[in-house]
Amino acid sequence: MLNSFVDELDAPVIPMAQAWARAYQGSHGLLIDLSQAAPGYPPPPEMLAWLGEAAASPEFTGYGPTQGEHALRETYAAHVSEIYNTSIIPAQTHITSGCNQAFIVAAMAVAGAGDTVLMTNPCYFNHEASLSMLGIKSTYVDCNSDNGFLPDIETIRTALQNVKAFAIVSPNNPTGCIYPKALLQEIYQTCRDTDVWLILDETYRDFITLDERHTLFSNADWEDCLIQLYSFSKSFCIPGHRLGAVVAGELIINAIFKVMDNLQICAPRAAQNAVAKAIAPLADWRESNRVEIQNRAAAMRQVFAELSGWGISSMGAYFAFVKHPFEGHSSIDVAKAMAEQAGVSCLPGSFFGKNQDNFLRIAFANVDVETIGLLKSRLKDFSL
């Protein structure tokens, strides 16, 4: 007999999309992979050198501190303090093996089997699955294209009854939308007023400007409400090294410490050492990286502006949520046919929630501007 919470989960969706892509015969040229969000270029030479140096050191072959290497926690706390104009100390940070793990340990710290966490619809499917396998229930605030896929604050206020946490992603996965600072403050205050934890996943924050970043850490009581998640994967182009972080009050960090000691003991130590060295010196490289991703977003807008029937409903740091022209067809059928026939791999909107069949998620950051330009010819004559 299997654990029913796990047995009832759907199969992982990324392998399904990869299978569709493998069926492509190459009739239009090389596959354009816009499915799983991954940097389309390697990290800079300095990052590779630091990773190699740390990996070759006997110092990092044993167990390390569960909360994370002190050098990284100290450097990361200073970095967060700088970009949010606040004062974060290392004791308010915890290093994890990727941001998916950061979400799981945060959820486990505040909710248990039978409890409920509020999310948006559409939502990031790994968050949904993580809660389900823990026996934590999910409820949803519907977001739609008319409001740029942003949730309505009054709807949130009603939905926060009897939930332990509200989990949101900004910049958003899958829609790409960036939550305005004022809306995030309203959400924060509403959560605070109802004693609900706000879990804010900011995996893609390095792809927006400083002016677009929130001011939640300016709230004197932020430790009693806010749990911030982050990933080093996209910003440093090292997703295979699995490194993420949590910033929260010491009460939450201590709870996460207990979870992590039983879950993994410590995040990868060599990667932690390398990232601790990289945060400050690679600031200019990360900024040029952000500009490059914005150039790719501009190329996406130009392509879809010239495609009849298609439309970008929302776009942000890494993703576009695109409305396809094949009304009445499931987004799975559309995405499967696009991959197999046109050599364009993306994810169906239905992977991210109910009533999302009119949409496809396109991870435009995966490919360069020239490759994005090829989408026009691939999709112009595409039909089901």
Protein backbone atom coordinates (compact mmCIF):
# COMPACT_ATOMS: atom_id res chain seq x y z
CA MET A 1 0.00 0.00 0.00
CA LEU A 2 1.27 3.46 -0.91
CA ASN A 3 0.97 6.71 0.99
CA SER A 4 -2.36 8.00 -0.36
CA PHE A 5 -1.12 11.61 -0.32
CA VAL A 6 1.65 10.62 -2.76
CA ASP A 7 -0.31 8.03 -4.73
CA GLU A 8 -2.99 10.59 -5.60
CA LEU A 9 -0.50 13.09 -7.05
CA ASP A 10 -0.39 13.53 -10.81
CA ALA A 11 2.78 12.37 -12.53
CA PRO A 12 5.48 15.09 -12.85
CA VAL A 13 4.59 17.29 -15.81
CA ILE A 14 8.01 18.36 -17.09
CA PRO A 15 8.90 14.82 -18.29
CA MET A 16 5.60 14.78 -20.20
CA ALA A 17 6.54 17.96 -22.07
CA GLN A 18 10.03 16.58 -22.70
CA ALA A 19 8.51 13.46 -24.26
CA TRP A 20 6.49 15.62 -26.67
CA ALA A 21 9.68 17.45 -27.63
CA ARG A 22 11.52 14.18 -28.27
CA ALA A 23 8.83 13.23 -30.79
CA TYR A 24 9.73 16.26 -32.95
CA GLN A 25 11.39 15.14 -36.19
CA GLY A 26 13.27 18.37 -36.93
CA SER A 27 11.26 19.46 -39.95
CA HIS A 28 11.52 23.17 -39.03
CA GLY A 29 15.05 23.14 -37.67
CA LEU A 30 16.30 22.77 -34.12
CA LEU A 31 13.86 22.43 -31.23
CA ILE A 32 13.00 25.72 -29.49
CA ASP A 33 12.71 24.73 -25.84
CA LEU A 34 10.53 27.18 -23.91
CA SER A 35 9.28 24.68 -21.35
CA GLN A 36 11.21 24.27 -18.10
CA ALA A 37 12.64 27.56 -16.86
CA ALA A 38 16.42 27.29 -17.14
CA PRO A 39 19.15 29.78 -18.01
CA GLY A 40 20.00 29.46 -21.67
CA TYR A 41 23.70 30.17 -21.12
CA PRO A 42 26.42 29.06 -18.67
CA PRO A 43 27.54 30.92 -15.56
CA PRO A 44 30.49 33.31 -15.90
CA PRO A 45 34.04 31.88 -15.74
CA GLU A 46 34.55 33.21 -12.23
CA MET A 47 31.53 31.25 -10.97
CA LEU A 48 32.79 28.06 -12.61
CA ALA A 49 36.25 28.59 -11.10
CA TRP A 50 34.84 29.09 -7.59
CA LEU A 51 32.63 26.02 -7.95
CA GLY A 52 35.57 23.92 -9.13
CA GLU A 53 37.82 25.16 -6.35
CA ALA A 54 35.25 24.40 -3.67
CA ALA A 55 34.35 21.00 -5.15
CA ALA A 56 38.04 19.98 -5.09
CA SER A 57 38.51 21.01 -1.46
CA PRO A 58 38.37 18.30 1.24
CA GLU A 59 36.94 20.99 3.53
CA PHE A 60 33.53 20.71 1.90
CA THR A 61 33.24 16.92 1.67
CA GLY A 62 31.82 16.48 5.18
CA TYR A 63 28.61 17.60 6.81
CA GLY A 64 28.15 21.32 7.25
CA PRO A 65 25.89 23.50 9.40
CA THR A 66 22.24 22.62 8.81
CA GLN A 67 21.23 26.28 8.61
CA GLY A 68 23.86 26.92 5.94
CA GLU A 69 27.52 27.89 5.74
CA HIS A 70 28.14 30.91 7.93
CA ALA A 71 29.98 32.71 5.11
CA LEU A 72 26.95 32.44 2.83
CA ARG A 73 24.40 33.32 5.52
CA GLU A 74 26.43 36.39 6.46
CA THR A 75 26.95 37.50 2.86
CA TYR A 76 23.36 36.81 1.88
CA ALA A 77 21.97 38.68 4.90
CA ALA A 78 24.06 41.72 3.93
CA HIS A 79 22.90 41.41 0.31
CA VAL A 80 19.20 41.27 1.25
CA SER A 81 19.71 44.20 3.61
CA GLU A 82 21.19 46.25 0.79
CA ILE A 83 18.61 45.56 -1.90
CA TYR A 84 15.61 46.02 0.43
CA ASN A 85 17.10 48.87 2.47
CA THR A 86 16.63 46.94 5.69
CA SER A 87 18.68 45.18 8.34
CA ILE A 88 18.72 41.39 8.07
CA ILE A 89 21.02 39.33 10.28
CA PRO A 90 22.40 35.84 9.49
CA ALA A 91 20.16 34.31 12.18
CA GLN A 92 17.17 35.37 10.04
CA THR A 93 18.39 33.30 7.08
CA HIS A 94 18.41 29.60 6.24
CA ILE A 95 20.06 28.00 3.21
CA THR A 96 18.21 25.19 1.42
CA SER A 97 18.76 22.85 -1.50
CA GLY A 98 16.86 24.90 -4.08
CA CYS A 99 13.75 27.03 -3.75
CA ASN A 100 11.37 24.09 -4.07
CA GLN A 101 12.88 22.79 -0.85
CA ALA A 102 12.68 26.27 0.65
CA PHE A 103 8.92 26.17 0.01
CA ILE A 104 8.51 22.71 1.50
CA VAL A 105 10.38 23.52 4.72
CA ALA A 106 8.54 26.83 5.08
CA ALA A 107 5.19 25.12 4.60
CA MET A 108 6.10 22.41 7.10
CA ALA A 109 7.15 25.04 9.62
CA VAL A 110 3.72 26.69 9.67
CA ALA A 111 1.20 24.03 8.57
CA GLY A 112 0.53 20.36 9.12
CA ALA A 113 -1.68 17.64 7.71
CA GLY A 114 -5.28 18.85 7.67
CA ASP A 115 -4.34 22.53 7.69
CA THR A 116 -5.00 24.77 4.67
CA VAL A 117 -2.73 27.04 2.64
CA LEU A 118 -4.15 29.63 0.26
CA MET A 119 -2.63 30.00 -3.21
CA THR A 120 -3.47 31.76 -6.45
CA ASN A 121 -5.01 30.18 -9.53
CA PRO A 122 -2.99 29.79 -11.70
CA CYS A 123 -0.21 28.67 -9.38
CA TYR A 124 3.20 27.01 -9.56
CA PHE A 125 2.41 23.28 -9.73
CA ASN A 126 5.30 22.16 -7.51
CA HIS A 127 3.91 24.25 -4.65
CA GLU A 128 0.54 22.58 -5.07
CA ALA A 129 2.04 19.09 -5.20
CA SER A 130 4.29 19.73 -2.20
CA LEU A 131 1.32 20.68 -0.05
CA SER A 132 -0.72 17.72 -1.27
CA MET A 133 1.90 15.12 -0.40
CA LEU A 134 2.16 16.61 3.09
CA GLY A 135 -1.60 16.29 3.58
CA ILE A 136 -1.97 20.07 3.61
CA LYS A 137 -5.09 21.32 1.85
CA SER A 138 -5.03 24.04 -0.81
CA THR A 139 -7.59 26.72 -1.55
CA TYR A 140 -7.30 29.30 -4.29
CA VAL A 141 -7.81 32.92 -5.18
CA ASP A 142 -8.67 33.13 -8.87
CA CYS A 143 -6.58 35.53 -10.95
CA ASN A 144 -7.56 36.41 -14.50
CA SER A 145 -6.20 38.20 -17.52
CA ASP A 146 -8.55 41.18 -17.08
CA ASN A 147 -6.56 42.13 -13.98
CA GLY A 148 -3.15 41.12 -15.31
CA PHE A 149 -3.40 37.85 -13.35
CA LEU A 150 -3.09 39.75 -10.09
CA PRO A 151 -5.37 38.76 -7.19
CA ASP A 152 -8.04 41.10 -5.89
CA ILE A 153 -7.41 42.23 -2.33
CA GLU A 154 -11.05 41.92 -1.23
CA THR A 155 -11.19 38.36 -2.56
CA ILE A 156 -8.00 37.60 -0.67
CA ARG A 157 -9.42 39.05 2.53
CA THR A 158 -12.44 36.74 2.31
CA ALA A 159 -10.33 33.70 1.38
CA LEU A 160 -7.91 34.08 4.31
CA GLN A 161 -10.40 32.70 6.80
CA ASN A 162 -9.21 29.45 8.39
CA VAL A 163 -5.91 29.19 6.51
CA LYS A 164 -2.39 29.02 7.94
CA ALA A 165 -0.54 30.76 5.11
CA PHE A 166 -0.96 32.53 1.79
CA ALA A 167 1.68 31.50 -0.77
CA ILE A 168 2.40 33.76 -3.74
CA VAL A 169 5.14 34.04 -6.36
CA SER A 170 6.38 37.41 -7.62
CA PRO A 171 7.58 37.79 -10.31
CA ASN A 172 5.01 35.13 -10.97
CA ASN A 173 5.35 31.60 -12.25
CA PRO A 174 3.52 30.86 -14.54
CA THR A 175 2.17 34.23 -15.68
CA GLY A 176 5.26 36.39 -15.25
CA CYS A 177 3.26 39.19 -13.64
CA ILE A 178 5.09 41.38 -11.14
CA TYR A 179 3.10 42.25 -8.03
CA PRO A 180 3.11 46.03 -7.48
CA LYS A 181 4.64 47.21 -4.22
CA ALA A 182 1.35 48.69 -3.04
CA LEU A 183 -0.53 45.44 -3.66
CA LEU A 184 2.10 43.41 -1.80
CA GLN A 185 1.83 45.78 1.16
CA GLU A 186 -1.97 45.39 1.14
CA ILE A 187 -1.60 41.61 1.01
CA TYR A 188 0.94 41.71 3.83
CA GLN A 189 -1.28 43.86 6.04
CA THR A 190 -4.32 41.68 5.36
CA CYS A 191 -2.34 38.56 6.29
CA ARG A 192 -0.98 40.27 9.39
CA ASP A 193 -4.46 41.37 10.48
CA THR A 194 -5.76 37.80 10.20
CA ASP A 195 -2.68 36.06 11.72
CA VAL A 196 -1.83 34.31 8.45
CA TRP A 197 1.75 33.77 7.29
CA LEU A 198 2.67 35.30 3.93
CA ILE A 199 5.03 32.99 2.02
CA LEU A 200 6.55 35.08 -0.76
CA ASP A 201 8.55 33.19 -3.38
CA GLU A 202 10.91 35.64 -5.11
CA THR A 203 12.90 33.19 -7.23
CA TYR A 204 12.99 35.67 -10.14
CA ARG A 205 13.55 38.91 -8.22
CA ASP A 206 16.96 39.57 -9.80
CA PHE A 207 15.25 40.07 -13.16
CA ILE A 208 13.34 43.18 -12.06
CA THR A 209 14.67 46.61 -11.20
CA LEU A 210 15.35 47.87 -7.69
CA ASP A 211 12.44 50.29 -8.08
CA GLU A 212 10.05 47.38 -8.61
CA ARG A 213 11.03 45.60 -5.39
CA HIS A 214 8.73 45.64 -2.38
CA THR A 215 9.18 47.38 0.96
CA LEU A 216 7.77 44.65 3.20
CA PHE A 217 10.88 44.48 5.35
CA SER A 218 10.16 48.07 6.38
CA ASN A 219 7.23 46.83 8.46
CA ALA A 220 8.32 46.73 12.08
CA ASP A 221 6.50 43.42 12.61
CA TRP A 222 7.62 41.64 9.42
CA GLU A 223 9.11 38.74 11.40
CA ASP A 224 5.60 37.87 12.63
CA CYS A 225 4.14 37.54 9.13
CA LEU A 226 6.62 37.31 6.25
CA ILE A 227 8.56 34.28 4.98
CA GLN A 228 10.62 35.15 1.91
CA LEU A 229 11.98 32.46 -0.43
CA TYR A 230 14.74 32.82 -3.02
CA SER A 231 16.72 30.75 -5.52
CA PHE A 232 20.33 31.23 -6.57
CA SER A 233 19.75 28.96 -9.59
CA LYS A 234 18.53 31.42 -12.22
CA SER A 235 20.54 34.44 -11.11
CA PHE A 236 23.87 32.60 -11.11
CA CYS A 237 22.96 30.03 -13.84
CA ILE A 238 23.58 27.06 -11.54
CA PRO A 239 20.24 25.19 -11.29
CA GLY A 240 22.03 21.83 -11.12
CA HIS A 241 23.73 22.82 -7.87
CA ARG A 242 20.39 23.23 -6.07
CA LEU A 243 20.72 26.22 -3.78
CA GLY A 244 17.99 28.38 -2.28
CA ALA A 245 17.39 30.53 0.77
CA VAL A 246 14.75 31.59 3.29
CA VAL A 247 14.59 34.91 5.10
CA ALA A 248 12.22 34.95 8.08
CA GLY A 249 12.02 35.69 11.77
CA GLU A 250 14.12 33.55 14.07
CA LEU A 251 11.01 31.64 15.24
CA ILE A 252 10.47 30.36 11.68
CA ILE A 253 14.19 29.83 11.01
CA ASN A 254 14.47 27.67 14.13
CA ALA A 255 11.48 25.60 13.01
CA ILE A 256 13.01 25.18 9.54
CA PHE A 257 16.27 24.11 11.22
CA LYS A 258 14.42 21.20 12.83
CA VAL A 259 12.85 20.20 9.50
CA MET A 260 16.09 20.46 7.51
CA ASP A 261 18.07 18.41 10.04
CA ASN A 262 15.74 15.49 9.26
CA LEU A 263 15.23 16.25 5.59
CA GLN A 264 18.75 16.79 4.24
CA ILE A 265 21.11 17.82 7.07
CA CYS A 266 22.68 20.54 4.92
CA ALA A 267 22.49 22.06 1.44
CA PRO A 268 25.38 21.39 -1.01
CA ARG A 269 28.45 22.84 0.65
CA ALA A 270 30.69 23.49 -2.36
CA ALA A 271 27.98 25.53 -4.07
CA GLN A 272 27.38 27.50 -0.87
CA ASN A 273 31.05 28.39 -0.68
CA ALA A 274 31.16 29.46 -4.32
CA VAL A 275 28.00 31.60 -4.10
CA ALA A 276 29.26 33.31 -0.93
CA LYS A 277 32.26 34.46 -2.96
CA ALA A 278 30.15 35.41 -5.99
CA ILE A 279 27.36 37.59 -4.60
CA ALA A 280 29.26 40.88 -4.48
CA PRO A 281 31.78 40.47 -7.35
CA LEU A 282 29.14 39.29 -9.85
CA ALA A 283 26.66 42.12 -9.20
CA ASP A 284 27.43 43.77 -12.56
CA TRP A 285 27.18 40.43 -14.36
CA ARG A 286 23.75 39.80 -12.83
CA GLU A 287 22.61 43.25 -13.92
CA SER A 288 23.74 42.60 -17.50
CA ASN A 289 21.93 39.28 -17.24
CA ARG A 290 18.75 41.12 -16.24
CA VAL A 291 19.07 43.45 -19.21
CA GLU A 292 19.55 40.50 -21.56
CA ILE A 293 16.38 38.83 -20.26
CA GLN A 294 14.49 42.10 -20.78
CA ASN A 295 15.75 42.15 -24.38
CA ARG A 296 14.33 38.67 -24.82
CA ALA A 297 11.00 39.84 -23.40
CA ALA A 298 10.95 42.68 -25.93
CA ALA A 299 11.63 40.21 -28.74
CA MET A 300 8.71 38.08 -27.52
CA ARG A 301 6.37 41.06 -27.57
CA GLN A 302 7.38 41.89 -31.12
CA VAL A 303 6.84 38.33 -32.36
CA PHE A 304 3.38 37.93 -30.86
CA ALA A 305 2.30 41.40 -31.96
CA GLU A 306 2.74 40.10 -35.52
CA LEU A 307 0.94 36.77 -35.03
CA SER A 308 -2.77 36.82 -35.79
CA GLY A 309 -4.96 35.20 -33.13
CA TRP A 310 -2.19 34.85 -30.57
CA GLY A 311 -1.72 37.23 -27.65
CA ILE A 312 0.44 37.78 -24.60
CA SER A 313 -1.94 38.00 -21.65
CA SER A 314 0.79 38.55 -19.08
CA MET A 315 4.57 38.81 -19.10
CA GLY A 316 7.28 39.46 -16.55
CA ALA A 317 10.73 38.49 -15.43
CA TYR A 318 11.04 35.03 -16.96
CA PHE A 319 7.67 33.95 -18.35
CA ALA A 320 4.89 34.89 -20.71
CA PHE A 321 1.36 33.53 -20.32
CA VAL A 322 0.18 33.41 -23.91
CA LYS A 323 -3.37 33.00 -25.16
CA HIS A 324 -3.50 30.59 -28.08
CA PRO A 325 -6.03 30.90 -30.93
CA PHE A 326 -7.44 27.35 -30.76
CA GLU A 327 -10.56 27.86 -28.70
CA GLY A 328 -12.24 24.61 -27.75
CA HIS A 329 -8.99 22.66 -27.72
CA SER A 330 -7.25 21.76 -24.50
CA SER A 331 -3.95 23.47 -23.78
CA ILE A 332 -2.38 20.01 -23.51
CA ASP A 333 -3.40 19.20 -27.09
CA VAL A 334 -2.06 22.55 -28.29
CA ALA A 335 1.28 22.27 -26.47
CA LYS A 336 1.75 18.66 -27.56
CA ALA A 337 1.09 19.50 -31.22
CA MET A 338 3.36 22.56 -31.08
CA ALA A 339 6.24 20.45 -29.77
CA GLU A 340 5.74 17.50 -32.10
CA GLN A 341 4.88 19.40 -35.29
CA ALA A 342 6.47 22.86 -34.99
CA GLY A 343 9.40 22.10 -32.72
CA VAL A 344 8.29 24.64 -30.10
CA SER A 345 8.17 23.21 -26.59
CA CYS A 346 6.17 25.01 -23.88
CA LEU A 347 3.82 24.09 -21.05
CA PRO A 348 0.00 23.93 -21.14
CA GLY A 349 -1.88 26.44 -19.02
CA SER A 350 -3.88 23.60 -17.48
CA PHE A 351 -0.73 22.37 -15.73
CA PHE A 352 -1.02 25.45 -13.51
CA GLY A 353 -4.67 25.33 -12.47
CA LYS A 354 -8.31 25.10 -13.41
CA ASN A 355 -9.78 27.09 -16.31
CA GLN A 356 -6.37 27.82 -17.84
CA ASP A 357 -6.88 25.87 -21.08
CA ASN A 358 -6.78 29.01 -23.22
CA PHE A 359 -3.17 29.66 -22.22
CA LEU A 360 0.37 28.38 -22.65
CA ARG A 361 3.34 29.18 -20.41
CA ILE A 362 6.39 30.24 -22.37
CA ALA A 363 9.76 30.44 -20.58
CA PHE A 364 11.25 33.01 -22.96
CA ALA A 365 14.42 33.46 -20.89
CA ASN A 366 15.60 30.03 -22.07
CA VAL A 367 16.60 31.19 -25.56
CA ASP A 368 18.30 34.17 -27.19
CA VAL A 369 16.70 36.99 -29.17
CA GLU A 370 17.57 35.43 -32.54
CA THR A 371 15.89 32.15 -31.60
CA ILE A 372 12.80 33.95 -30.29
CA GLY A 373 12.54 35.58 -33.72
CA LEU A 374 12.09 32.11 -35.26
CA LEU A 375 8.80 31.68 -33.40
CA LYS A 376 7.00 33.86 -35.92
CA SER A 377 7.55 31.50 -38.84
CA ARG A 378 6.95 28.40 -36.67
CA LEU A 379 3.59 29.61 -35.33
CA LYS A 380 2.28 31.63 -38.28
CA ASP A 381 1.12 28.55 -40.17
CA PHE A 382 0.74 26.21 -37.22
CA SER A 383 -2.69 24.59 -36.88
CA LEU A 384 -4.29 21.65 -35.13
